[in-house]
C-alpha cells in the first residue's frame, strides 16, 4: 500500500531553537500545551487512505497510488501526464506550478479549483493540493482536463479506479448463480473470449483473466445462496481477476470453460462422504470446450488446460439486446398478470435466437435473469462490446389499438452548453452524452424497424418518435426502444404472449438489420 505522508499541523511542529528561553519554563509550558491541544481538537479532520488506480493503455498498464481525502480521490499530476504523454518542462514556485505537456503549458495553483491550459481555464470539482511535495489533482481531472490535452480516446466510468486510454477495448461479463444437487453453479458470461486460470487462496478461489482489461458492470456480486457469498472483481495490482468466496470451508470447486472461452462454468459442491466414493459432478459443456482440473480451498495454483490455438475468423458484429426492467422493477402489468419485465425477456430471447440463427451476429444481453440492472450498466454492457446497435424492449398501454408498436429514439435536452472558444472538440465524449453523437444513425435504425414491423398483419406500427428515454442516453451506438402494446391492467396480454406473434417480431428485427446492412448505413 502506498500512503501519502500525513499533513503537518501547527500543533505538530517543533519549537525553533531561537524561541525565547521563557517558553521553557514549566509554568508557561502548560498553557501552551493546552492551547495546542485545543487547536488539534478543532482542526478539520482529514481521513486519508491508500489505494491504487490503474491506467490501461494498448502497450502497458500502470498503477498510481490514490490519496483519499474525505470522499475525494486524488492522483499525482506529473505521473498522469507522463503516462499519457511526456512532460517537457516544469516551473515550480511555492504555491504554483507551470508544466509543459509536450509544448502545451498547464498552470495551476495550490488550493484552487481551476486549471489553465494556454489561455483557457477549466474548473475542477475539488481544489488541487500539495501532499508530500507532490502536486495532486482530483480524479475528475481525467475527464474535465485530460481530454483537452490529448487526442486519444479515453474511457472512464465514474466511481471506478481504472481508466482505459488509447485503443483499448475492455471486456465485461454478466454473472448468474443456479442451484444444483448439493451445491451451486456459477455462470460467468464474458463479452469476449477469455483464457482463465484458477488458484485457491485463503479459503477463496481466484480466477485470473489472462491479463485481459475488464470493465465490470459491478465490482462485487453478492449472493443469497447457501454455498456462495460473493464474487468480486479486483485489479488494484494491475492483474484482472475474479475472487469467489464460499459460505463455508470444505467445499470443492470445479471450473470449466465453454464456447471457446466466452463462458466460465464453476460448480461449487459439498464433497460426498468418504464411504460414498461418488465422482463429483462437472458442468455439461460442448465437446470443444476447455476444461480445468477441480480445486479445493488450500495452497497451490490450479491452471486450466488450454485448447490449441486456432486462428480466429473475422469478428461478427455485435447486437446488444436489452430486456427492460427486471428484479424488483416489474414495469407494467396486464389484467391476466403478465409482467412487463417477463414479457421483455421473452421478446429478447426470441430476437436473440433469430439473430444467432443467421450466423451473422453475436449477441450481448444487458440483463441475464430477473435482476436489477441500472441504465448505466445496460449502456456499459453495450459500449464495451462495441455493439453495432442497441435494442431495448418494453411493453405498455398504448391505447385501445392492440397489438400496437411504437419505436422511440433518444431526444436530448433542447439546450446545450455553449462551446468553448478556440478549443477543438475532444475525442472524449461525456458518458451522459454518448447517444447524442448517434442520433441520425438511431433514426435510420428506427425507420428500418418500423418499415419491417408494419409488414406484419393486423399490427398498428407508429412512425418513430423521439423521447428522453434514460436507457438510451449513454449508449454509444445506434439505439432504439421498442414499446409493445397493449399491456394494460384493464386488458389481457393474449396477443403479446402468443409465440407466433413474438416470432414475427423477431423476424422483422432480423430483416430490419439486414436492410440497413444492404443499404450501407
Foldseek 3Di string as FASTA:
>chain_A
DDWFDDDDDPLRDDDDPPDDPVCVDPVNVVVVNVVSVVCVVPPDDWDWDWFWFWEAEPVDIDIFIWTHTPNWTKTFDQVVLVVQAHWPDWDDDDFKIWTASPNWIWIFGAFAQWIDIPHDIWGHPGGWHATNNTTIDTPCCVVGPVLLVDQAEKDDDPPDRYIYTHPAQAKEWDWDWDDDVQWIKIKIFILDAWFWWWFADPQKIKIFGNLGHHDYLDQKDADPDQFWGIWGWDCRVSTTIIITHTPDAQWKWWWWFAPNRRMIMIIIHHDDDPVVPDDDDHDDYDPPTWGWDMDGHDHDITTTDHDPDDDDDDDAAEEEEEQPDFAPGQPFAAQVGDTFSVLSVVLSVLLQVLVVVVVRYHYFYLDDHRDGHDLLSSQVNQVSSVHQEYEYETEEAPDDQPFEKEKEDADDDPDDDDDDPPRDDHPYDDQQALCVVCRVVLLLLQQLLQVLVVPDPRYHYDRYYYDNDRSNRRHNHNYMYMYTDDGHSHHDPVQSPDPVNSNSSSVSSVVSVVVCVVVVD
